[in-house]
Amino acid sequence: MSWLSGYDTIRTYRLPGTCHEKSFCPKCSSALPSIQADGAMAVVPAGSLDSELDCRPTARICLASRAKWSEGWDEVEEIAGLPG
């Protein structure tokens, strides 16, 4: 992962008393990649990528606390563009 520009403007917020941290653009609030857990984990929001990945995710995390409506996505129809 490499930055094209704007690295020096990134803002990061850590929720006090937790390990939750979010990095974002101060101009548009877009979620941005960050290195967390003392360098042990790279968090990369999918919307921040501008090219194909040459690796796959290694885990789906926090499944025990996911919303009930998010279960069963494997059965949902996939549509390449907008419906209709």
Protein backbone atom coordinates (compact mmCIF):
# COMPACT_ATOMS: atom_id res chain seq x y z
CA MET A 1 0.00 0.00 0.00
CA SER A 2 1.36 3.41 -0.89
CA TRP A 3 -0.04 6.92 -0.61
CA LEU A 4 -0.33 9.03 -3.74
CA SER A 5 -0.93 12.25 -1.86
CA GLY A 6 -2.38 13.77 1.29
CA TYR A 7 -0.71 11.51 3.85
CA ASP A 8 0.22 14.48 6.03
CA THR A 9 -3.42 15.62 6.31
CA ILE A 10 -4.91 12.32 7.58
CA ARG A 11 -6.76 12.54 10.88
CA THR A 12 -7.17 9.58 13.24
CA TYR A 13 -9.69 9.17 16.04
CA ARG A 14 -9.36 6.53 18.75
CA LEU A 15 -12.39 5.84 20.93
CA PRO A 16 -11.14 6.29 24.49
CA GLY A 17 -10.83 3.08 26.50
CA THR A 18 -11.05 0.82 23.43
CA CYS A 19 -8.92 -0.47 20.57
CA HIS A 20 -11.28 1.08 17.98
CA GLU A 21 -9.56 3.58 15.73
CA LYS A 22 -10.62 5.31 12.50
CA SER A 23 -8.51 7.30 10.07
CA PHE A 24 -10.25 9.72 7.72
CA CYS A 25 -9.84 12.62 5.32
CA PRO A 26 -10.50 15.93 7.10
CA LYS A 27 -11.89 17.49 3.90
CA CYS A 28 -14.44 14.86 2.79
CA SER A 29 -14.58 12.46 5.79
CA SER A 30 -13.75 9.41 3.63
CA ALA A 31 -12.47 6.43 5.61
CA LEU A 32 -8.77 5.83 4.99
CA PRO A 33 -6.34 2.95 5.58
CA SER A 34 -4.37 2.78 8.79
CA ILE A 35 -1.89 0.56 10.56
CA GLN A 36 -3.21 -0.53 13.96
CA ALA A 37 -2.42 -2.88 16.88
CA ASP A 38 1.19 -1.71 17.04
CA GLY A 39 1.76 -2.58 13.39
CA ALA A 40 0.17 -6.05 13.54
CA MET A 41 -2.92 -5.13 11.50
CA ALA A 42 -3.62 -3.07 8.38
CA VAL A 43 -7.18 -1.74 8.19
CA VAL A 44 -8.07 -0.87 4.60
CA PRO A 45 -11.59 0.37 3.82
CA ALA A 46 -12.60 -1.07 0.44
CA GLY A 47 -13.74 2.34 -0.80
CA SER A 48 -10.23 3.71 -0.49
CA LEU A 49 -8.72 1.29 -3.02
CA ASP A 50 -8.09 2.43 -6.59
CA SER A 51 -6.81 -0.83 -8.08
CA GLU A 52 -7.34 -4.58 -7.98
CA LEU A 53 -6.08 -6.49 -4.96
CA ASP A 54 -3.53 -9.26 -5.31
CA CYS A 55 -4.59 -10.78 -1.98
CA ARG A 56 -7.81 -11.85 -0.31
CA PRO A 57 -9.14 -10.89 3.12
CA THR A 58 -7.87 -13.21 5.84
CA ALA A 59 -10.82 -12.89 8.23
CA ARG A 60 -14.41 -11.75 8.67
CA ILE A 61 -14.41 -10.17 12.09
CA CYS A 62 -17.04 -9.35 14.73
CA LEU A 63 -19.56 -11.83 13.31
CA ALA A 64 -21.00 -12.56 16.76
CA SER A 65 -22.22 -8.96 17.09
CA ARG A 66 -23.39 -8.39 13.50
CA ALA A 67 -26.91 -7.14 12.80
CA LYS A 68 -29.48 -9.86 12.11
CA TRP A 69 -30.30 -8.28 8.73
CA SER A 70 -26.72 -8.89 7.58
CA GLU A 71 -27.01 -12.69 7.81
CA GLY A 72 -27.62 -14.83 4.72
CA TRP A 73 -25.95 -12.62 2.13
CA ASP A 74 -24.71 -15.69 0.26
CA GLU A 75 -28.29 -16.24 -0.97
CA VAL A 76 -28.90 -12.66 -2.15
CA GLU A 77 -29.01 -12.04 -5.91
CA GLU A 78 -25.95 -10.28 -7.31
CA ILE A 79 -26.58 -7.55 -9.89
CA ALA A 80 -23.68 -6.16 -11.93
CA GLY A 81 -25.16 -2.67 -12.28
CA LEU A 82 -28.20 -0.81 -11.01
CA PRO A 83 -31.44 -2.85 -10.81
CA GLY A 84 -34.12 -2.33 -13.42
